[in-house]
Amino acid sequence: MNKTIPLSRRYEAHGTAFDAIEMRAPKLRDYFSIGDPVEAQPSGAEGGSIVVEYLDRIEAYRDRLVVKPSLAEILDLDLEDAMRVKDAITGFFTAARRARRARTNSSGAADGE
């Protein structure tokens, strides 16, 4: 399912005006090729963790997932909108993980395991 990311303003690039970006959801081939864009890593002895974002992976997903406008047309987005795109990409993974947890049965195993 595609996701539309509204932008903070209207842009024009290469003769195309746009105020939103449409992205498709990642697929297995994308995930296995690029990997997780975000990971939780242990931090300290207290059992805490920190979130590490891999911007190179997020960029690789951006390059694959943008449907419209074209990738060339969105490369000069303002920082605020660039962060919206990053959040949309990582949001696909957050939503997938939540859905997997929600399908966990009472024995603790995810459906299909």
N, C-alpha and C. Protein backbone atom coordinates (compact mmCIF):
# COMPACT_ATOMS: atom_id res chain seq x y z
N MET A 1 0.84 -1.17 0.00
CA MET A 1 0.00 0.00 0.00
C MET A 1 0.90 1.24 0.00
N ASN A 2 0.54 2.20 -0.81
CA ASN A 2 1.34 3.43 -0.91
C ASN A 2 0.97 4.40 0.20
N LYS A 3 1.93 5.24 0.54
CA LYS A 3 1.76 6.25 1.59
C LYS A 3 2.01 7.61 0.96
N THR A 4 1.15 8.57 1.29
CA THR A 4 1.34 9.94 0.83
C THR A 4 1.88 10.78 1.98
N ILE A 5 2.99 11.46 1.72
CA ILE A 5 3.62 12.31 2.73
C ILE A 5 3.36 13.76 2.36
N PRO A 6 2.51 14.45 3.12
CA PRO A 6 2.29 15.87 2.83
C PRO A 6 3.54 16.68 3.19
N LEU A 7 3.85 17.65 2.38
CA LEU A 7 5.02 18.49 2.61
C LEU A 7 4.59 19.83 3.20
N SER A 8 5.54 20.57 3.74
CA SER A 8 5.24 21.83 4.41
C SER A 8 4.92 22.96 3.43
N ARG A 9 5.29 22.76 2.18
CA ARG A 9 5.04 23.80 1.18
C ARG A 9 5.01 23.17 -0.20
N ARG A 10 4.69 23.97 -1.17
CA ARG A 10 4.67 23.54 -2.57
C ARG A 10 6.07 23.74 -3.16
N TYR A 11 6.55 22.73 -3.89
CA TYR A 11 7.85 22.78 -4.55
C TYR A 11 7.63 22.73 -6.06
N GLU A 12 8.62 23.22 -6.79
CA GLU A 12 8.64 23.05 -8.23
C GLU A 12 10.05 22.66 -8.64
N ALA A 13 10.16 21.57 -9.37
CA ALA A 13 11.46 21.09 -9.83
C ALA A 13 11.28 20.38 -11.16
N HIS A 14 12.16 20.67 -12.07
CA HIS A 14 12.15 20.02 -13.39
C HIS A 14 10.77 20.13 -14.05
N GLY A 15 10.11 21.25 -13.85
CA GLY A 15 8.81 21.48 -14.48
C GLY A 15 7.63 20.82 -13.78
N THR A 16 7.87 20.23 -12.63
CA THR A 16 6.79 19.57 -11.88
C THR A 16 6.56 20.30 -10.56
N ALA A 17 5.31 20.64 -10.29
CA ALA A 17 4.94 21.24 -9.01
C ALA A 17 4.33 20.14 -8.14
N PHE A 18 4.69 20.14 -6.85
CA PHE A 18 4.17 19.11 -5.94
C PHE A 18 4.20 19.62 -4.51
N ASP A 19 3.28 19.11 -3.69
CA ASP A 19 3.25 19.43 -2.27
C ASP A 19 3.09 18.17 -1.42
N ALA A 20 3.34 17.03 -2.05
CA ALA A 20 3.29 15.74 -1.36
C ALA A 20 4.17 14.76 -2.12
N ILE A 21 4.57 13.72 -1.43
CA ILE A 21 5.35 12.66 -2.05
C ILE A 21 4.62 11.35 -1.82
N GLU A 22 4.54 10.55 -2.84
CA GLU A 22 3.94 9.22 -2.73
C GLU A 22 5.06 8.19 -2.70
N MET A 23 4.99 7.30 -1.71
CA MET A 23 5.98 6.23 -1.58
C MET A 23 5.25 4.90 -1.48
N ARG A 24 5.87 3.88 -2.04
CA ARG A 24 5.33 2.52 -1.87
C ARG A 24 5.96 1.90 -0.63
N ALA A 25 5.31 0.89 -0.11
CA ALA A 25 5.84 0.19 1.06
C ALA A 25 7.02 -0.69 0.63
N PRO A 26 7.99 -0.86 1.52
CA PRO A 26 9.11 -1.75 1.21
C PRO A 26 8.62 -3.19 1.02
N LYS A 27 9.34 -3.91 0.21
CA LYS A 27 9.04 -5.32 -0.05
C LYS A 27 10.21 -6.17 0.41
N LEU A 28 10.03 -7.48 0.35
CA LEU A 28 11.07 -8.40 0.79
C LEU A 28 12.39 -8.13 0.09
N ARG A 29 12.36 -7.93 -1.21
CA ARG A 29 13.62 -7.71 -1.95
C ARG A 29 14.33 -6.44 -1.47
N ASP A 30 13.56 -5.41 -1.10
CA ASP A 30 14.16 -4.18 -0.57
C ASP A 30 14.79 -4.45 0.80
N TYR A 31 14.03 -5.09 1.66
CA TYR A 31 14.47 -5.36 3.03
C TYR A 31 15.72 -6.23 3.07
N PHE A 32 15.73 -7.29 2.27
CA PHE A 32 16.89 -8.19 2.28
C PHE A 32 18.10 -7.56 1.61
N SER A 33 17.88 -6.64 0.71
CA SER A 33 18.98 -5.97 0.03
C SER A 33 19.60 -4.85 0.88
N ILE A 34 18.76 -4.13 1.62
CA ILE A 34 19.21 -2.94 2.35
C ILE A 34 19.36 -3.20 3.84
N GLY A 35 18.43 -3.90 4.44
CA GLY A 35 18.48 -4.17 5.88
C GLY A 35 17.63 -3.18 6.67
N ASP A 36 17.74 -3.25 7.98
CA ASP A 36 16.97 -2.37 8.87
C ASP A 36 17.52 -0.95 8.81
N PRO A 37 16.64 0.03 8.66
CA PRO A 37 17.11 1.41 8.65
C PRO A 37 17.37 1.97 10.06
N VAL A 38 16.83 1.29 11.07
CA VAL A 38 16.95 1.73 12.46
C VAL A 38 17.14 0.49 13.32
N GLU A 39 18.00 0.61 14.33
CA GLU A 39 18.20 -0.50 15.26
C GLU A 39 18.27 0.03 16.68
N ALA A 40 17.80 -0.79 17.61
CA ALA A 40 17.99 -0.49 19.03
C ALA A 40 19.22 -1.25 19.48
N GLN A 41 20.15 -0.54 20.12
CA GLN A 41 21.38 -1.17 20.59
C GLN A 41 21.50 -0.95 22.09
N PRO A 42 22.02 -1.96 22.80
CA PRO A 42 22.16 -1.83 24.25
C PRO A 42 23.06 -0.65 24.63
N SER A 43 22.70 -0.02 25.72
CA SER A 43 23.54 1.08 26.21
C SER A 43 23.63 1.01 27.73
N GLY A 44 24.77 0.71 28.21
CA GLY A 44 24.98 0.72 29.65
C GLY A 44 24.55 -0.55 30.34
N ALA A 45 24.84 -0.61 31.61
CA ALA A 45 24.57 -1.80 32.41
C ALA A 45 23.13 -1.85 32.92
N GLU A 46 22.38 -0.79 32.77
CA GLU A 46 21.03 -0.74 33.33
C GLU A 46 19.98 -1.36 32.41
N GLY A 47 20.40 -1.96 31.31
CA GLY A 47 19.46 -2.61 30.40
C GLY A 47 18.78 -1.65 29.44
N GLY A 48 19.26 -0.44 29.36
CA GLY A 48 18.67 0.52 28.43
C GLY A 48 19.14 0.29 27.01
N SER A 49 18.61 1.06 26.12
CA SER A 49 19.04 0.96 24.74
C SER A 49 18.98 2.34 24.08
N ILE A 50 19.72 2.46 22.98
CA ILE A 50 19.67 3.67 22.18
C ILE A 50 19.25 3.28 20.77
N VAL A 51 18.63 4.21 20.09
CA VAL A 51 18.19 3.98 18.72
C VAL A 51 19.25 4.54 17.79
N VAL A 52 19.68 3.72 16.85
CA VAL A 52 20.67 4.12 15.86
C VAL A 52 19.99 4.14 14.50
N GLU A 53 20.05 5.29 13.83
CA GLU A 53 19.51 5.43 12.48
C GLU A 53 20.65 5.31 11.49
N TYR A 54 20.44 4.50 10.47
CA TYR A 54 21.43 4.34 9.41
C TYR A 54 20.97 5.17 8.21
N LEU A 55 21.48 6.39 8.12
CA LEU A 55 21.02 7.30 7.07
C LEU A 55 21.32 6.77 5.67
N ASP A 56 22.41 6.02 5.51
CA ASP A 56 22.70 5.45 4.19
C ASP A 56 21.63 4.44 3.79
N ARG A 57 21.12 3.68 4.74
CA ARG A 57 20.05 2.72 4.45
C ARG A 57 18.74 3.46 4.19
N ILE A 58 18.47 4.49 4.97
CA ILE A 58 17.25 5.28 4.77
C ILE A 58 17.29 5.90 3.38
N GLU A 59 18.45 6.39 2.98
CA GLU A 59 18.61 6.96 1.63
C GLU A 59 18.37 5.89 0.56
N ALA A 60 18.87 4.70 0.77
CA ALA A 60 18.67 3.62 -0.20
C ALA A 60 17.18 3.28 -0.32
N TYR A 61 16.47 3.26 0.81
CA TYR A 61 15.02 3.04 0.75
C TYR A 61 14.33 4.19 0.02
N ARG A 62 14.73 5.42 0.31
CA ARG A 62 14.15 6.57 -0.40
C ARG A 62 14.29 6.39 -1.90
N ASP A 63 15.47 6.01 -2.34
CA ASP A 63 15.72 5.85 -3.77
C ASP A 63 14.83 4.78 -4.40
N ARG A 64 14.50 3.75 -3.64
CA ARG A 64 13.67 2.66 -4.16
C ARG A 64 12.17 2.91 -4.02
N LEU A 65 11.76 3.64 -2.97
CA LEU A 65 10.34 3.69 -2.62
C LEU A 65 9.57 4.87 -3.20
N VAL A 66 10.26 5.92 -3.62
CA VAL A 66 9.55 7.10 -4.14
C VAL A 66 8.82 6.72 -5.43
N VAL A 67 7.52 7.00 -5.45
CA VAL A 67 6.69 6.74 -6.63
C VAL A 67 6.53 8.02 -7.44
N LYS A 68 6.09 9.07 -6.75
CA LYS A 68 5.97 10.36 -7.43
C LYS A 68 6.00 11.49 -6.43
N PRO A 69 6.53 12.63 -6.80
CA PRO A 69 7.22 12.90 -8.05
C PRO A 69 8.49 12.06 -8.14
N SER A 70 9.28 12.27 -9.16
CA SER A 70 10.48 11.45 -9.34
C SER A 70 11.53 11.79 -8.28
N LEU A 71 12.46 10.87 -8.13
CA LEU A 71 13.56 11.08 -7.18
C LEU A 71 14.31 12.37 -7.48
N ALA A 72 14.58 12.63 -8.74
CA ALA A 72 15.32 13.85 -9.12
C ALA A 72 14.57 15.10 -8.68
N GLU A 73 13.26 15.04 -8.63
CA GLU A 73 12.47 16.21 -8.28
C GLU A 73 12.43 16.48 -6.78
N ILE A 74 12.73 15.50 -5.96
CA ILE A 74 12.62 15.71 -4.50
C ILE A 74 13.97 15.94 -3.82
N LEU A 75 15.06 15.88 -4.54
CA LEU A 75 16.37 15.94 -3.90
C LEU A 75 16.70 17.27 -3.23
N ASP A 76 15.98 18.33 -3.55
CA ASP A 76 16.25 19.63 -2.94
C ASP A 76 15.18 20.06 -1.94
N LEU A 77 14.55 19.09 -1.29
CA LEU A 77 13.56 19.43 -0.25
C LEU A 77 14.24 20.17 0.88
N ASP A 78 13.48 21.05 1.53
CA ASP A 78 13.96 21.70 2.75
C ASP A 78 14.17 20.63 3.83
N LEU A 79 14.94 20.98 4.85
CA LEU A 79 15.26 20.03 5.91
C LEU A 79 14.00 19.49 6.59
N GLU A 80 13.04 20.35 6.87
CA GLU A 80 11.80 19.90 7.53
C GLU A 80 11.14 18.79 6.72
N ASP A 81 11.04 18.98 5.42
CA ASP A 81 10.40 17.98 4.57
C ASP A 81 11.27 16.75 4.38
N ALA A 82 12.58 16.94 4.35
CA ALA A 82 13.49 15.80 4.28
C ALA A 82 13.29 14.90 5.50
N MET A 83 13.09 15.52 6.65
CA MET A 83 12.86 14.75 7.87
C MET A 83 11.50 14.03 7.81
N ARG A 84 10.52 14.63 7.17
CA ARG A 84 9.22 13.97 6.99
C ARG A 84 9.39 12.70 6.16
N VAL A 85 10.19 12.79 5.12
CA VAL A 85 10.45 11.62 4.27
C VAL A 85 11.16 10.54 5.09
N LYS A 86 12.18 10.93 5.85
CA LYS A 86 12.90 9.96 6.69
C LYS A 86 11.95 9.29 7.68
N ASP A 87 11.09 10.09 8.31
CA ASP A 87 10.14 9.54 9.28
C ASP A 87 9.14 8.60 8.62
N ALA A 88 8.73 8.91 7.40
CA ALA A 88 7.80 8.03 6.68
C ALA A 88 8.46 6.68 6.39
N ILE A 89 9.72 6.72 5.99
CA ILE A 89 10.44 5.47 5.70
C ILE A 89 10.59 4.64 6.96
N THR A 90 11.05 5.23 8.03
CA THR A 90 11.20 4.46 9.27
C THR A 90 9.83 4.05 9.82
N GLY A 91 8.80 4.82 9.51
CA GLY A 91 7.45 4.49 9.94
C GLY A 91 6.93 3.19 9.34
N PHE A 92 7.34 2.87 8.12
CA PHE A 92 6.95 1.58 7.53
C PHE A 92 7.42 0.44 8.43
N PHE A 93 8.63 0.56 8.95
CA PHE A 93 9.20 -0.50 9.78
C PHE A 93 8.58 -0.54 11.16
N THR A 94 8.30 0.62 11.74
CA THR A 94 7.63 0.69 13.04
C THR A 94 6.26 0.03 12.94
N ALA A 95 5.52 0.35 11.90
CA ALA A 95 4.17 -0.22 11.72
C ALA A 95 4.24 -1.74 11.53
N ALA A 96 5.21 -2.21 10.77
CA ALA A 96 5.34 -3.65 10.55
C ALA A 96 5.67 -4.37 11.86
N ARG A 97 6.53 -3.79 12.66
CA ARG A 97 6.88 -4.42 13.94
C ARG A 97 5.69 -4.43 14.88
N ARG A 98 4.92 -3.35 14.92
CA ARG A 98 3.71 -3.31 15.76
C ARG A 98 2.72 -4.38 15.32
N ALA A 99 2.54 -4.50 14.01
CA ALA A 99 1.60 -5.50 13.48
C ALA A 99 2.05 -6.91 13.85
N ARG A 100 3.34 -7.17 13.80
CA ARG A 100 3.86 -8.49 14.19
C ARG A 100 3.60 -8.75 15.66
N ARG A 101 3.84 -7.76 16.51
CA ARG A 101 3.59 -7.92 17.95
C ARG A 101 2.11 -8.15 18.23
N ALA A 102 1.26 -7.46 17.50
CA ALA A 102 -0.19 -7.60 17.72
C ALA A 102 -0.67 -9.00 17.35
N ARG A 103 0.00 -9.66 16.43
CA ARG A 103 -0.40 -11.00 16.01
C ARG A 103 0.24 -12.09 16.86
N THR A 104 1.03 -11.71 17.85
CA THR A 104 1.65 -12.71 18.71
C THR A 104 0.57 -13.40 19.52
N ASN A 105 0.58 -14.73 19.49
CA ASN A 105 -0.46 -15.47 20.22
C ASN A 105 -0.10 -15.61 21.69
N SER A 106 -0.96 -16.25 22.44
CA SER A 106 -0.78 -16.33 23.90
C SER A 106 0.45 -17.14 24.29
N SER A 107 0.96 -17.99 23.41
CA SER A 107 2.15 -18.77 23.75
C SER A 107 3.43 -17.94 23.56
N GLY A 108 3.28 -16.75 23.00
CA GLY A 108 4.45 -15.91 22.81
C GLY A 108 5.06 -16.03 21.44
N ALA A 109 4.58 -16.97 20.62
CA ALA A 109 5.11 -17.13 19.26
C ALA A 109 4.28 -16.33 18.28
N ALA A 110 4.95 -15.71 17.36
CA ALA A 110 4.23 -14.97 16.33
C ALA A 110 3.53 -15.95 15.41
N ASP A 111 2.42 -15.52 14.82
CA ASP A 111 1.71 -16.36 13.86
C ASP A 111 2.68 -16.84 12.79
N GLY A 112 2.57 -18.11 12.43
CA GLY A 112 3.41 -18.67 11.39
C GLY A 112 4.74 -19.19 11.89
N GLU A 113 5.00 -19.08 13.17
CA GLU A 113 6.29 -19.57 13.71
C GLU A 113 6.09 -20.92 14.35
